Amino acid sequence: YYVDYKQICYTDEDVICNVRDSVLEYIENKLAAGSVIGVDLQFIDLAQGDNGYYCHCPNCMKVMKEENGAASGPVVRFANRIDEEVSEQYEGLAYLIFAYMGTQPPCKTAPNEHVSVTFAMNGTCANHALDMKDCNERGDLYAVTDLPIINNDNFADWVRGWCALSDNIVIWYYSLDTHVQAYTMLDVVYDDIMFFKECGVRGLFFEAETHGIGMQHTMAELIYKM
């Protein structure tokens, strides 16, 4: 499915079966070409697109309501089902989804053991660390939440929520050179890394720019050392 501008319906039976069959066909073609599960075929990237346009059909809204109003609910249930049905034929694969573009608030349903969630820090304030109670930034930023405003402390609470649900939480951290304080972010980055460690995240992916003239290469190396 093409999901650059609109998400699929994660509760539609025909869509779910279509995706499952497509995943099975993908795996079969990979194996026929000589790939080995667990070696060069390790994961299936399931969801979701780079946008906040989620389905609001009655079924999806019903699931969101059951999941504390979280748009991540239909996505996690969808990924769990694909994992369960595909695993009947092929074991040893991981299934990747995002907490991103409004799905950051965690749902109630835990991801399956083989479902890995990448929490994307989309909308945090780069001038303050997470969970420090000193960020005054305010905004809605696609968040599907009852909170009228969100800031870094809300993102911290959501990370804790995901880590309570699963041991397979990876953080996608934006350390971009487009911030006004691009050269003074290292203290913030360090504090955030320590926070993620306390929460028990499994891994970190840093999106750090290294092009252009300046300290980007040095900052990327320092982040790597951290």
N, C-alpha and C. Protein backbone atom coordinates (compact mmCIF):
# COMPACT_ATOMS: atom_id res chain seq x y z
N TYR A 1 0.83 -1.20 0.00
CA TYR A 1 0.00 0.00 0.00
C TYR A 1 0.87 1.25 0.00
N TYR A 2 0.38 2.26 -0.67
CA TYR A 2 1.09 3.53 -0.75
C TYR A 2 0.59 4.43 0.37
N VAL A 3 1.45 4.71 1.34
CA VAL A 3 0.99 5.40 2.55
C VAL A 3 1.77 6.69 2.81
N ASP A 4 2.28 7.32 1.76
CA ASP A 4 3.01 8.57 1.96
C ASP A 4 2.11 9.68 2.47
N TYR A 5 0.83 9.67 2.07
CA TYR A 5 -0.04 10.79 2.42
C TYR A 5 -1.27 10.36 3.22
N LYS A 6 -1.50 9.07 3.35
CA LYS A 6 -2.65 8.59 4.09
C LYS A 6 -2.36 7.17 4.58
N GLN A 7 -2.71 6.91 5.84
CA GLN A 7 -2.48 5.58 6.38
C GLN A 7 -3.54 4.60 5.87
N ILE A 8 -3.20 3.31 5.93
CA ILE A 8 -4.20 2.30 5.65
C ILE A 8 -5.19 2.23 6.80
N CYS A 9 -6.29 1.54 6.59
CA CYS A 9 -7.20 1.23 7.68
C CYS A 9 -6.64 -0.01 8.36
N TYR A 10 -6.23 0.13 9.61
CA TYR A 10 -5.56 -0.96 10.31
C TYR A 10 -6.53 -1.97 10.90
N THR A 11 -7.84 -1.76 10.70
CA THR A 11 -8.83 -2.70 11.23
C THR A 11 -9.65 -3.37 10.13
N ASP A 12 -9.44 -2.98 8.88
CA ASP A 12 -10.21 -3.54 7.78
C ASP A 12 -9.73 -4.96 7.48
N GLU A 13 -10.65 -5.91 7.49
CA GLU A 13 -10.29 -7.32 7.30
C GLU A 13 -9.64 -7.58 5.95
N ASP A 14 -10.17 -6.98 4.90
CA ASP A 14 -9.59 -7.18 3.56
C ASP A 14 -8.17 -6.62 3.49
N VAL A 15 -7.97 -5.46 4.10
CA VAL A 15 -6.64 -4.85 4.09
C VAL A 15 -5.65 -5.73 4.86
N ILE A 16 -6.07 -6.21 6.02
CA ILE A 16 -5.19 -7.05 6.84
C ILE A 16 -4.79 -8.31 6.08
N CYS A 17 -5.76 -8.96 5.46
CA CYS A 17 -5.47 -10.18 4.70
C CYS A 17 -4.57 -9.89 3.51
N ASN A 18 -4.80 -8.76 2.85
CA ASN A 18 -3.97 -8.36 1.71
C ASN A 18 -2.52 -8.17 2.14
N VAL A 19 -2.33 -7.44 3.26
CA VAL A 19 -0.97 -7.20 3.76
C VAL A 19 -0.32 -8.52 4.17
N ARG A 20 -1.06 -9.37 4.87
CA ARG A 20 -0.51 -10.67 5.28
C ARG A 20 -0.05 -11.48 4.08
N ASP A 21 -0.91 -11.55 3.04
CA ASP A 21 -0.55 -12.32 1.85
C ASP A 21 0.65 -11.71 1.14
N SER A 22 0.72 -10.37 1.14
CA SER A 22 1.87 -9.70 0.51
C SER A 22 3.16 -10.00 1.27
N VAL A 23 3.08 -10.02 2.59
CA VAL A 23 4.26 -10.34 3.41
C VAL A 23 4.70 -11.78 3.15
N LEU A 24 3.74 -12.70 3.10
CA LEU A 24 4.07 -14.10 2.82
C LEU A 24 4.73 -14.24 1.45
N GLU A 25 4.19 -13.54 0.45
CA GLU A 25 4.78 -13.59 -0.88
C GLU A 25 6.19 -13.01 -0.89
N TYR A 26 6.38 -11.92 -0.15
CA TYR A 26 7.70 -11.29 -0.06
C TYR A 26 8.71 -12.27 0.54
N ILE A 27 8.32 -12.93 1.62
CA ILE A 27 9.22 -13.89 2.28
C ILE A 27 9.52 -15.05 1.34
N GLU A 28 8.50 -15.58 0.69
CA GLU A 28 8.70 -16.70 -0.24
C GLU A 28 9.67 -16.33 -1.35
N ASN A 29 9.52 -15.14 -1.90
CA ASN A 29 10.42 -14.70 -2.98
C ASN A 29 11.85 -14.55 -2.47
N LYS A 30 11.99 -14.02 -1.24
CA LYS A 30 13.32 -13.88 -0.66
C LYS A 30 13.99 -15.23 -0.44
N LEU A 31 13.23 -16.18 0.08
CA LEU A 31 13.78 -17.51 0.32
C LEU A 31 14.14 -18.20 -0.99
N ALA A 32 13.29 -18.00 -2.00
CA ALA A 32 13.57 -18.61 -3.31
C ALA A 32 14.83 -18.04 -3.94
N ALA A 33 15.16 -16.80 -3.59
CA ALA A 33 16.36 -16.16 -4.12
C ALA A 33 17.61 -16.49 -3.29
N GLY A 34 17.43 -17.29 -2.24
CA GLY A 34 18.58 -17.73 -1.46
C GLY A 34 18.75 -17.08 -0.10
N SER A 35 17.84 -16.19 0.28
CA SER A 35 17.94 -15.56 1.59
C SER A 35 17.67 -16.57 2.70
N VAL A 36 18.22 -16.29 3.88
CA VAL A 36 18.04 -17.16 5.03
C VAL A 36 17.45 -16.33 6.17
N ILE A 37 16.34 -16.81 6.75
CA ILE A 37 15.72 -16.11 7.86
C ILE A 37 16.68 -16.08 9.04
N GLY A 38 16.85 -14.89 9.61
CA GLY A 38 17.75 -14.72 10.73
C GLY A 38 19.15 -14.34 10.33
N VAL A 39 19.44 -14.40 9.03
CA VAL A 39 20.77 -14.03 8.53
C VAL A 39 20.66 -12.77 7.69
N ASP A 40 20.17 -12.90 6.46
CA ASP A 40 19.98 -11.72 5.61
C ASP A 40 18.50 -11.39 5.41
N LEU A 41 17.64 -12.13 6.09
CA LEU A 41 16.21 -11.80 6.13
C LEU A 41 15.82 -11.82 7.60
N GLN A 42 15.82 -10.62 8.21
CA GLN A 42 15.66 -10.54 9.66
C GLN A 42 14.38 -9.84 10.11
N PHE A 43 13.84 -8.95 9.28
CA PHE A 43 12.69 -8.18 9.74
C PHE A 43 11.77 -7.82 8.59
N ILE A 44 10.53 -7.52 8.95
CA ILE A 44 9.51 -7.04 8.02
C ILE A 44 9.07 -5.66 8.50
N ASP A 45 9.21 -4.66 7.65
CA ASP A 45 8.83 -3.28 7.99
C ASP A 45 7.35 -3.11 7.67
N LEU A 46 6.51 -3.00 8.71
CA LEU A 46 5.06 -3.04 8.53
C LEU A 46 4.40 -1.68 8.47
N ALA A 47 4.71 -0.78 9.41
CA ALA A 47 3.91 0.44 9.52
C ALA A 47 4.72 1.49 10.24
N GLN A 48 4.50 2.75 10.01
CA GLN A 48 3.43 3.31 9.19
C GLN A 48 4.00 4.42 8.32
N GLY A 49 3.20 5.07 7.52
CA GLY A 49 3.69 6.10 6.62
C GLY A 49 4.08 7.38 7.32
N ASP A 50 4.73 8.26 6.57
CA ASP A 50 5.28 9.51 7.12
C ASP A 50 4.21 10.60 7.11
N ASN A 51 3.16 10.38 7.88
CA ASN A 51 2.09 11.37 7.96
C ASN A 51 1.20 11.05 9.15
N GLY A 52 0.36 12.01 9.52
CA GLY A 52 -0.53 11.81 10.66
C GLY A 52 -1.97 11.60 10.26
N TYR A 53 -2.20 11.14 9.02
CA TYR A 53 -3.56 10.99 8.49
C TYR A 53 -4.03 9.56 8.74
N TYR A 54 -4.51 9.27 9.96
CA TYR A 54 -4.95 7.93 10.32
C TYR A 54 -6.43 7.75 10.02
N CYS A 55 -6.79 6.51 9.79
CA CYS A 55 -8.18 6.19 9.47
C CYS A 55 -9.06 6.47 10.69
N HIS A 56 -10.22 7.07 10.43
CA HIS A 56 -11.18 7.36 11.49
C HIS A 56 -12.52 6.70 11.21
N CYS A 57 -12.47 5.51 10.62
CA CYS A 57 -13.70 4.75 10.40
C CYS A 57 -14.23 4.28 11.75
N PRO A 58 -15.48 3.83 11.82
CA PRO A 58 -16.04 3.40 13.10
C PRO A 58 -15.22 2.32 13.80
N ASN A 59 -14.67 1.37 13.03
CA ASN A 59 -13.90 0.30 13.65
C ASN A 59 -12.61 0.82 14.27
N CYS A 60 -11.90 1.67 13.53
CA CYS A 60 -10.65 2.23 14.06
C CYS A 60 -10.93 3.11 15.28
N MET A 61 -11.99 3.90 15.23
CA MET A 61 -12.33 4.75 16.37
C MET A 61 -12.72 3.91 17.58
N LYS A 62 -13.39 2.79 17.34
CA LYS A 62 -13.76 1.89 18.44
C LYS A 62 -12.50 1.34 19.11
N VAL A 63 -11.53 0.93 18.29
CA VAL A 63 -10.29 0.40 18.85
C VAL A 63 -9.55 1.48 19.62
N MET A 64 -9.46 2.69 19.03
CA MET A 64 -8.78 3.78 19.73
C MET A 64 -9.42 4.05 21.09
N LYS A 65 -10.75 4.01 21.14
CA LYS A 65 -11.45 4.24 22.40
C LYS A 65 -11.07 3.17 23.43
N GLU A 66 -10.99 1.92 22.97
CA GLU A 66 -10.59 0.82 23.85
C GLU A 66 -9.14 0.94 24.31
N GLU A 67 -8.33 1.68 23.53
CA GLU A 67 -6.90 1.80 23.80
C GLU A 67 -6.54 3.15 24.42
N ASN A 68 -7.41 3.65 25.27
CA ASN A 68 -7.19 4.94 25.96
C ASN A 68 -7.11 6.11 24.98
N GLY A 69 -7.77 6.00 23.84
CA GLY A 69 -7.77 7.08 22.87
C GLY A 69 -6.51 7.15 22.03
N ALA A 70 -5.66 6.14 22.10
CA ALA A 70 -4.36 6.18 21.41
C ALA A 70 -4.47 5.67 19.98
N ALA A 71 -3.99 6.47 19.05
CA ALA A 71 -3.98 6.05 17.64
C ALA A 71 -3.01 4.90 17.41
N SER A 72 -2.13 4.65 18.36
CA SER A 72 -1.21 3.51 18.24
C SER A 72 -1.93 2.18 18.43
N GLY A 73 -3.11 2.21 19.04
CA GLY A 73 -3.84 0.97 19.30
C GLY A 73 -4.12 0.14 18.07
N PRO A 74 -4.78 0.72 17.04
CA PRO A 74 -5.02 -0.06 15.82
C PRO A 74 -3.73 -0.55 15.16
N VAL A 75 -2.66 0.27 15.21
CA VAL A 75 -1.40 -0.10 14.57
C VAL A 75 -0.79 -1.31 15.27
N VAL A 76 -0.75 -1.29 16.60
CA VAL A 76 -0.16 -2.40 17.35
C VAL A 76 -0.98 -3.68 17.17
N ARG A 77 -2.29 -3.57 17.25
CA ARG A 77 -3.12 -4.75 17.04
C ARG A 77 -2.92 -5.33 15.65
N PHE A 78 -2.80 -4.45 14.65
CA PHE A 78 -2.55 -4.87 13.28
C PHE A 78 -1.22 -5.62 13.19
N ALA A 79 -0.16 -5.05 13.75
CA ALA A 79 1.16 -5.66 13.70
C ALA A 79 1.17 -7.00 14.44
N ASN A 80 0.51 -7.07 15.59
CA ASN A 80 0.44 -8.32 16.34
C ASN A 80 -0.22 -9.42 15.52
N ARG A 81 -1.28 -9.07 14.83
CA ARG A 81 -2.00 -10.09 14.06
C ARG A 81 -1.15 -10.57 12.88
N ILE A 82 -0.49 -9.63 12.18
CA ILE A 82 0.37 -10.03 11.07
C ILE A 82 1.47 -10.96 11.58
N ASP A 83 2.07 -10.60 12.71
CA ASP A 83 3.11 -11.45 13.32
C ASP A 83 2.57 -12.85 13.59
N GLU A 84 1.41 -12.93 14.22
CA GLU A 84 0.85 -14.24 14.60
C GLU A 84 0.53 -15.09 13.38
N GLU A 85 -0.04 -14.49 12.34
CA GLU A 85 -0.46 -15.28 11.19
C GLU A 85 0.72 -15.67 10.31
N VAL A 86 1.68 -14.77 10.14
CA VAL A 86 2.85 -15.11 9.33
C VAL A 86 3.73 -16.12 10.06
N SER A 87 3.81 -16.00 11.39
CA SER A 87 4.66 -16.90 12.17
C SER A 87 4.16 -18.34 12.14
N GLU A 88 2.92 -18.55 11.72
CA GLU A 88 2.44 -19.92 11.56
C GLU A 88 3.22 -20.66 10.48
N GLN A 89 3.79 -19.90 9.53
CA GLN A 89 4.59 -20.51 8.46
C GLN A 89 6.08 -20.21 8.58
N TYR A 90 6.40 -19.00 9.04
CA TYR A 90 7.81 -18.59 9.09
C TYR A 90 8.11 -17.98 10.45
N GLU A 91 9.03 -18.59 11.18
CA GLU A 91 9.42 -18.08 12.48
C GLU A 91 10.78 -17.38 12.40
N GLY A 92 11.07 -16.56 13.41
CA GLY A 92 12.38 -15.95 13.51
C GLY A 92 12.51 -14.57 12.91
N LEU A 93 11.38 -13.95 12.55
CA LEU A 93 11.40 -12.61 11.97
C LEU A 93 10.90 -11.58 12.98
N ALA A 94 11.40 -10.36 12.86
CA ALA A 94 10.90 -9.24 13.65
C ALA A 94 9.99 -8.40 12.77
N TYR A 95 9.03 -7.72 13.38
CA TYR A 95 8.06 -6.89 12.66
C TYR A 95 8.16 -5.47 13.20
N LEU A 96 8.47 -4.53 12.32
CA LEU A 96 8.82 -3.17 12.73
C LEU A 96 7.65 -2.21 12.53
N ILE A 97 7.35 -1.42 13.57
CA ILE A 97 6.37 -0.34 13.45
C ILE A 97 6.95 0.89 14.16
N PHE A 98 6.28 2.02 13.99
CA PHE A 98 6.73 3.28 14.58
C PHE A 98 5.74 3.79 15.62
N ALA A 99 6.25 4.55 16.57
CA ALA A 99 5.42 5.44 17.38
C ALA A 99 5.77 6.84 16.87
N TYR A 100 4.92 7.37 15.99
CA TYR A 100 5.33 8.51 15.18
C TYR A 100 4.10 9.21 14.63
N MET A 101 4.21 10.51 14.42
CA MET A 101 3.15 11.29 13.79
C MET A 101 1.79 11.07 14.45
N GLY A 102 1.75 11.18 15.78
CA GLY A 102 0.49 11.05 16.49
C GLY A 102 0.29 9.72 17.17
N THR A 103 1.14 8.73 16.88
CA THR A 103 1.01 7.45 17.58
C THR A 103 1.99 7.35 18.74
N GLN A 104 2.65 8.46 19.10
CA GLN A 104 3.58 8.41 20.23
C GLN A 104 2.90 8.00 21.54
N PRO A 105 1.71 8.53 21.86
CA PRO A 105 1.09 8.08 23.11
C PRO A 105 0.84 6.57 23.06
N PRO A 106 1.30 5.82 24.07
CA PRO A 106 1.17 4.36 24.02
C PRO A 106 -0.26 3.90 24.21
N CYS A 107 -0.55 2.76 23.61
CA CYS A 107 -1.86 2.15 23.76
C CYS A 107 -1.85 1.21 24.96
N LYS A 108 -2.92 0.46 25.17
CA LYS A 108 -2.99 -0.49 26.27
C LYS A 108 -2.47 -1.87 25.86
N THR A 109 -2.68 -2.22 24.59
CA THR A 109 -2.25 -3.54 24.11
C THR A 109 -0.74 -3.59 23.93
N ALA A 110 -0.11 -4.58 24.52
CA ALA A 110 1.34 -4.71 24.39
C ALA A 110 1.71 -5.29 23.03
N PRO A 111 2.76 -4.77 22.40
CA PRO A 111 3.25 -5.39 21.17
C PRO A 111 3.71 -6.82 21.46
N ASN A 112 3.52 -7.70 20.49
CA ASN A 112 4.01 -9.07 20.62
C ASN A 112 5.52 -9.10 20.83
N GLU A 113 6.02 -10.24 21.24
CA GLU A 113 7.44 -10.40 21.50
C GLU A 113 8.29 -10.05 20.28
N HIS A 114 7.77 -10.32 19.08
CA HIS A 114 8.55 -10.10 17.86
C HIS A 114 8.23 -8.78 17.18
N VAL A 115 7.39 -7.96 17.78
CA VAL A 115 7.05 -6.65 17.22
C VAL A 115 7.92 -5.59 17.90
N SER A 116 8.69 -4.87 17.09
CA SER A 116 9.60 -3.84 17.60
C SER A 116 9.03 -2.46 17.27
N VAL A 117 9.00 -1.59 18.28
CA VAL A 117 8.44 -0.24 18.12
C VAL A 117 9.57 0.78 18.14
N THR A 118 9.65 1.60 17.10
CA THR A 118 10.60 2.71 17.08
C THR A 118 9.86 3.99 17.43
N PHE A 119 10.20 4.56 18.58
CA PHE A 119 9.58 5.80 19.06
C PHE A 119 10.35 6.97 18.46
N ALA A 120 9.68 7.75 17.62
CA ALA A 120 10.33 8.88 16.95
C ALA A 120 10.07 10.17 17.73
N MET A 121 11.15 10.88 18.04
CA MET A 121 11.06 12.12 18.81
C MET A 121 10.62 13.27 17.90
N ASN A 122 9.44 13.17 17.38
CA ASN A 122 8.95 14.13 16.41
C ASN A 122 8.14 15.22 17.11
N GLY A 123 8.77 16.36 17.36
CA GLY A 123 8.06 17.47 17.98
C GLY A 123 8.59 17.88 19.33
N THR A 124 9.67 17.27 19.79
CA THR A 124 10.23 17.68 21.06
C THR A 124 10.99 18.99 20.92
N CYS A 125 11.19 19.67 22.04
CA CYS A 125 11.98 20.90 22.08
C CYS A 125 13.44 20.52 22.24
N ALA A 126 14.29 20.99 21.33
CA ALA A 126 15.71 20.63 21.35
C ALA A 126 16.51 21.46 22.35
N ASN A 127 15.86 22.45 22.96
CA ASN A 127 16.58 23.31 23.91
C ASN A 127 16.59 22.76 25.33
N HIS A 128 15.78 21.73 25.58
CA HIS A 128 15.69 21.16 26.92
C HIS A 128 15.71 19.64 26.83
N ALA A 129 16.24 19.01 27.87
CA ALA A 129 16.23 17.56 27.94
C ALA A 129 14.83 17.06 28.30
N LEU A 130 14.61 15.79 28.07
CA LEU A 130 13.35 15.16 28.44
C LEU A 130 13.27 15.00 29.96
N ASP A 131 12.05 15.06 30.47
CA ASP A 131 11.78 14.70 31.86
C ASP A 131 12.53 15.56 32.87
N MET A 132 12.83 16.80 32.51
CA MET A 132 13.55 17.69 33.44
C MET A 132 12.64 18.72 34.09
N LYS A 133 11.39 18.77 33.65
CA LYS A 133 10.39 19.69 34.20
C LYS A 133 10.78 21.16 34.02
N ASP A 134 11.62 21.44 33.01
CA ASP A 134 12.02 22.83 32.79
C ASP A 134 11.75 23.29 31.36
N CYS A 135 10.96 22.52 30.62
CA CYS A 135 10.64 22.90 29.24
C CYS A 135 9.30 23.62 29.22
N ASN A 136 9.28 24.81 28.66
CA ASN A 136 8.05 25.60 28.58
C ASN A 136 7.43 25.59 27.19
N GLU A 137 8.01 24.79 26.29
CA GLU A 137 7.46 24.68 24.93
C GLU A 137 6.05 24.10 25.00
N ARG A 138 5.17 24.59 24.13
CA ARG A 138 3.80 24.09 24.12
C ARG A 138 3.35 23.88 22.67
N GLY A 139 2.58 22.85 22.47
CA GLY A 139 2.04 22.63 21.13
C GLY A 139 1.22 21.37 21.09
N ASP A 140 0.50 21.13 19.97
CA ASP A 140 -0.24 19.88 19.84
C ASP A 140 0.52 18.86 19.01
N LEU A 141 1.14 19.29 17.89
CA LEU A 141 2.07 18.45 17.14
C LEU A 141 1.55 17.05 16.86
N TYR A 142 0.38 16.97 16.23
CA TYR A 142 -0.22 15.72 15.75
C TYR A 142 -0.66 14.78 16.86
N ALA A 143 -0.44 15.13 18.12
CA ALA A 143 -0.63 14.15 19.18
C ALA A 143 -2.10 13.80 19.36
N VAL A 144 -2.39 12.53 19.35
CA VAL A 144 -3.73 12.06 19.66
C VAL A 144 -3.79 11.86 21.17
N THR A 145 -4.21 12.85 21.87
CA THR A 145 -4.17 12.84 23.33
C THR A 145 -5.23 13.77 23.87
N ASP A 146 -5.68 13.51 25.08
CA ASP A 146 -6.64 14.39 25.73
C ASP A 146 -5.98 15.64 26.28
N LEU A 147 -4.64 15.66 26.33
CA LEU A 147 -3.94 16.82 26.85
C LEU A 147 -4.08 17.99 25.89
N PRO A 148 -4.46 19.19 26.37
CA PRO A 148 -4.61 20.34 25.46
C PRO A 148 -3.26 20.84 24.95
N ILE A 149 -2.18 20.57 25.70
CA ILE A 149 -0.85 20.98 25.28
C ILE A 149 0.12 19.85 25.61
N ILE A 150 1.22 19.79 24.87
CA ILE A 150 2.25 18.80 25.17
C ILE A 150 3.61 19.48 25.20
N ASN A 151 4.55 18.89 25.91
CA ASN A 151 5.92 19.35 25.88
C ASN A 151 6.84 18.16 26.12
N ASN A 152 8.11 18.41 26.44
CA ASN A 152 9.06 17.31 26.58
C ASN A 152 8.70 16.33 27.69
N ASP A 153 8.05 16.83 28.74
CA ASP A 153 7.67 15.93 29.83
C ASP A 153 6.63 14.92 29.36
N ASN A 154 5.74 15.32 28.46
CA ASN A 154 4.77 14.38 27.91
C ASN A 154 5.46 13.30 27.09
N PHE A 155 6.44 13.70 26.27
CA PHE A 155 7.19 12.71 25.51
C PHE A 155 7.90 11.74 26.45
N ALA A 156 8.42 12.24 27.55
CA ALA A 156 9.08 11.37 28.53
C ALA A 156 8.09 10.36 29.10
N ASP A 157 6.89 10.81 29.42
CA ASP A 157 5.87 9.90 29.95
C ASP A 157 5.51 8.84 28.92
N TRP A 158 5.44 9.23 27.65
CA TRP A 158 5.09 8.26 26.61
C TRP A 158 6.19 7.22 26.44
N VAL A 159 7.46 7.64 26.52
CA VAL A 159 8.56 6.68 26.43
C VAL A 159 8.46 5.67 27.57
N ARG A 160 8.20 6.16 28.78
CA ARG A 160 8.04 5.25 29.91
C ARG A 160 6.89 4.27 29.66
N GLY A 161 5.81 4.79 29.10
CA GLY A 161 4.65 3.94 28.83
C GLY A 161 4.96 2.82 27.86
N TRP A 162 5.69 3.14 26.79
CA TRP A 162 6.06 2.11 25.82
C TRP A 162 7.01 1.09 26.43
N CYS A 163 7.97 1.58 27.21
CA CYS A 163 8.94 0.66 27.82
C CYS A 163 8.27 -0.25 28.85
N ALA A 164 7.17 0.21 29.45
CA ALA A 164 6.42 -0.65 30.36
C ALA A 164 5.68 -1.75 29.61
N LEU A 165 5.35 -1.49 28.34
CA LEU A 165 4.63 -2.46 27.53
C LEU A 165 5.55 -3.48 26.87
N SER A 166 6.78 -3.07 26.53
CA SER A 166 7.62 -3.92 25.69
C SER A 166 9.10 -3.69 25.97
N ASP A 167 9.89 -4.75 25.78
CA ASP A 167 11.35 -4.63 25.85
C ASP A 167 11.95 -4.28 24.50
N ASN A 168 11.11 -4.19 23.47
CA ASN A 168 11.59 -3.93 22.11
C ASN A 168 11.29 -2.50 21.67
N ILE A 169 11.77 -1.54 22.45
CA ILE A 169 11.56 -0.13 22.12
C ILE A 169 12.88 0.49 21.69
N VAL A 170 12.88 1.04 20.48
CA VAL A 170 14.04 1.75 19.94
C VAL A 170 13.67 3.23 19.82
N ILE A 171 14.60 4.11 20.12
CA ILE A 171 14.35 5.55 20.02
C ILE A 171 14.99 6.09 18.75
N TRP A 172 14.19 6.80 17.95
CA TRP A 172 14.70 7.56 16.79
C TRP A 172 14.85 9.00 17.27
N TYR A 173 16.08 9.42 17.43
CA TYR A 173 16.38 10.71 18.06
C TYR A 173 16.86 11.68 17.00
N TYR A 174 16.25 12.87 16.97
CA TYR A 174 16.62 13.89 16.01
C TYR A 174 17.66 14.84 16.62
N SER A 175 18.87 14.76 16.12
CA SER A 175 19.91 15.70 16.52
C SER A 175 20.36 16.44 15.27
N LEU A 176 19.51 17.31 14.79
CA LEU A 176 19.71 17.95 13.49
C LEU A 176 20.46 19.27 13.62
N ASP A 177 21.04 19.70 12.50
CA ASP A 177 21.81 20.95 12.52
C ASP A 177 20.94 22.15 12.18
N THR A 178 19.62 21.96 12.19
CA THR A 178 18.71 23.06 11.86
C THR A 178 18.24 23.82 13.08
N HIS A 179 18.62 23.37 14.28
CA HIS A 179 18.21 24.06 15.49
C HIS A 179 19.07 25.31 15.72
N VAL A 180 18.48 26.30 16.35
CA VAL A 180 19.22 27.53 16.63
C VAL A 180 20.43 27.23 17.50
N GLN A 181 20.24 26.36 18.49
CA GLN A 181 21.34 26.02 19.40
C GLN A 181 22.02 24.71 18.99
N ALA A 182 22.29 24.56 17.71
CA ALA A 182 22.85 23.30 17.21
C ALA A 182 24.16 22.95 17.89
N TYR A 183 24.94 23.94 18.29
CA TYR A 183 26.26 23.67 18.86
C TYR A 183 26.22 23.54 20.39
N THR A 184 25.05 23.71 20.98
CA THR A 184 24.97 23.60 22.44
C THR A 184 24.03 22.47 22.85
N MET A 185 23.79 21.54 21.95
CA MET A 185 22.84 20.46 22.22
C MET A 185 23.44 19.28 22.95
N LEU A 186 24.78 19.22 23.07
CA LEU A 186 25.40 18.00 23.58
C LEU A 186 24.98 17.67 25.01
N ASP A 187 24.83 18.68 25.86
CA ASP A 187 24.37 18.42 27.22
C ASP A 187 22.96 17.84 27.22
N VAL A 188 22.12 18.37 26.34
CA VAL A 188 20.75 17.86 26.22
C VAL A 188 20.77 16.41 25.75
N VAL A 189 21.60 16.13 24.74
CA VAL A 189 21.69 14.78 24.21
C VAL A 189 22.14 13.81 25.29
N TYR A 190 23.14 14.20 26.07
CA TYR A 190 23.65 13.32 27.13
C TYR A 190 22.55 13.01 28.15
N ASP A 191 21.85 14.05 28.60
CA ASP A 191 20.78 13.83 29.58
C ASP A 191 19.70 12.91 29.02
N ASP A 192 19.36 13.10 27.74
CA ASP A 192 18.33 12.25 27.13
C ASP A 192 18.80 10.80 27.03
N ILE A 193 20.07 10.59 26.67
CA ILE A 193 20.59 9.22 26.60
C ILE A 193 20.49 8.55 27.96
N MET A 194 20.83 9.27 29.00
CA MET A 194 20.74 8.71 30.35
C MET A 194 19.29 8.39 30.72
N PHE A 195 18.37 9.25 30.29
CA PHE A 195 16.95 8.99 30.54
C PHE A 195 16.50 7.72 29.82
N PHE A 196 16.89 7.57 28.55
CA PHE A 196 16.51 6.36 27.81
C PHE A 196 17.07 5.11 28.47
N LYS A 197 18.29 5.22 28.96
CA LYS A 197 18.91 4.08 29.64
C LYS A 197 18.10 3.69 30.88
N GLU A 198 17.67 4.69 31.64
CA GLU A 198 16.86 4.42 32.83
C GLU A 198 15.53 3.76 32.47
N CYS A 199 14.97 4.15 31.34
CA CYS A 199 13.68 3.60 30.91
C CYS A 199 13.81 2.16 30.41
N GLY A 200 15.00 1.80 29.94
CA GLY A 200 15.22 0.45 29.44
C GLY A 200 14.99 0.28 27.95
N VAL A 201 15.21 1.35 27.18
CA VAL A 201 15.06 1.21 25.73
C VAL A 201 16.13 0.25 25.21
N ARG A 202 15.80 -0.45 24.11
CA ARG A 202 16.70 -1.46 23.57
C ARG A 202 17.81 -0.87 22.72
N GLY A 203 17.52 0.25 22.04
CA GLY A 203 18.52 0.83 21.16
C GLY A 203 18.19 2.25 20.78
N LEU A 204 19.17 2.93 20.20
CA LEU A 204 19.02 4.32 19.78
C LEU A 204 19.46 4.46 18.33
N PHE A 205 18.67 5.23 17.59
CA PHE A 205 19.07 5.63 16.23
C PHE A 205 19.12 7.15 16.21
N PHE A 206 20.28 7.69 15.93
CA PHE A 206 20.44 9.14 15.90
C PHE A 206 20.43 9.64 14.46
N GLU A 207 19.53 10.57 14.19
CA GLU A 207 19.53 11.26 12.90
C GLU A 207 20.30 12.55 13.08
N ALA A 208 21.61 12.48 12.88
CA ALA A 208 22.49 13.62 13.08
C ALA A 208 23.13 13.99 11.76
N GLU A 209 22.97 15.24 11.35
CA GLU A 209 23.54 15.69 10.08
C GLU A 209 25.06 15.84 10.21
N THR A 210 25.77 15.48 9.16
CA THR A 210 27.24 15.60 9.16
C THR A 210 27.74 16.34 7.92
N HIS A 211 26.83 17.00 7.19
CA HIS A 211 27.27 17.71 6.00
C HIS A 211 27.55 19.18 6.34
N GLY A 212 28.21 19.85 5.43
CA GLY A 212 28.43 21.29 5.60
C GLY A 212 29.67 21.60 6.43
N ILE A 213 29.93 22.89 6.58
CA ILE A 213 31.08 23.36 7.35
C ILE A 213 30.63 23.62 8.78
N GLY A 214 31.42 23.18 9.74
CA GLY A 214 31.07 23.41 11.14
C GLY A 214 31.46 22.24 11.99
N MET A 215 30.71 22.04 13.08
CA MET A 215 31.06 21.03 14.07
C MET A 215 30.26 19.74 13.93
N GLN A 216 29.53 19.59 12.81
CA GLN A 216 28.63 18.45 12.71
C GLN A 216 29.35 17.12 12.84
N HIS A 217 30.52 16.98 12.17
CA HIS A 217 31.25 15.72 12.25
C HIS A 217 31.69 15.44 13.69
N THR A 218 32.16 16.47 14.36
CA THR A 218 32.60 16.32 15.75
C THR A 218 31.43 15.96 16.66
N MET A 219 30.30 16.61 16.46
CA MET A 219 29.12 16.31 17.28
C MET A 219 28.65 14.89 17.06
N ALA A 220 28.64 14.44 15.80
CA ALA A 220 28.22 13.07 15.51
C ALA A 220 29.15 12.07 16.19
N GLU A 221 30.45 12.34 16.18
CA GLU A 221 31.42 11.44 16.83
C GLU A 221 31.21 11.43 18.35
N LEU A 222 30.95 12.59 18.94
CA LEU A 222 30.72 12.66 20.38
C LEU A 222 29.44 11.92 20.77
N ILE A 223 28.40 12.07 19.95
CA ILE A 223 27.16 11.35 20.21
C ILE A 223 27.40 9.84 20.14
N TYR A 224 28.18 9.42 19.13
CA TYR A 224 28.50 8.01 19.00
C TYR A 224 29.22 7.50 20.25
N LYS A 225 30.16 8.28 20.76
CA LYS A 225 30.89 7.88 21.96
C LYS A 225 29.94 7.77 23.16
N MET A 226 28.99 8.70 23.25
CA MET A 226 28.02 8.60 24.34
C MET A 226 27.25 7.30 24.26
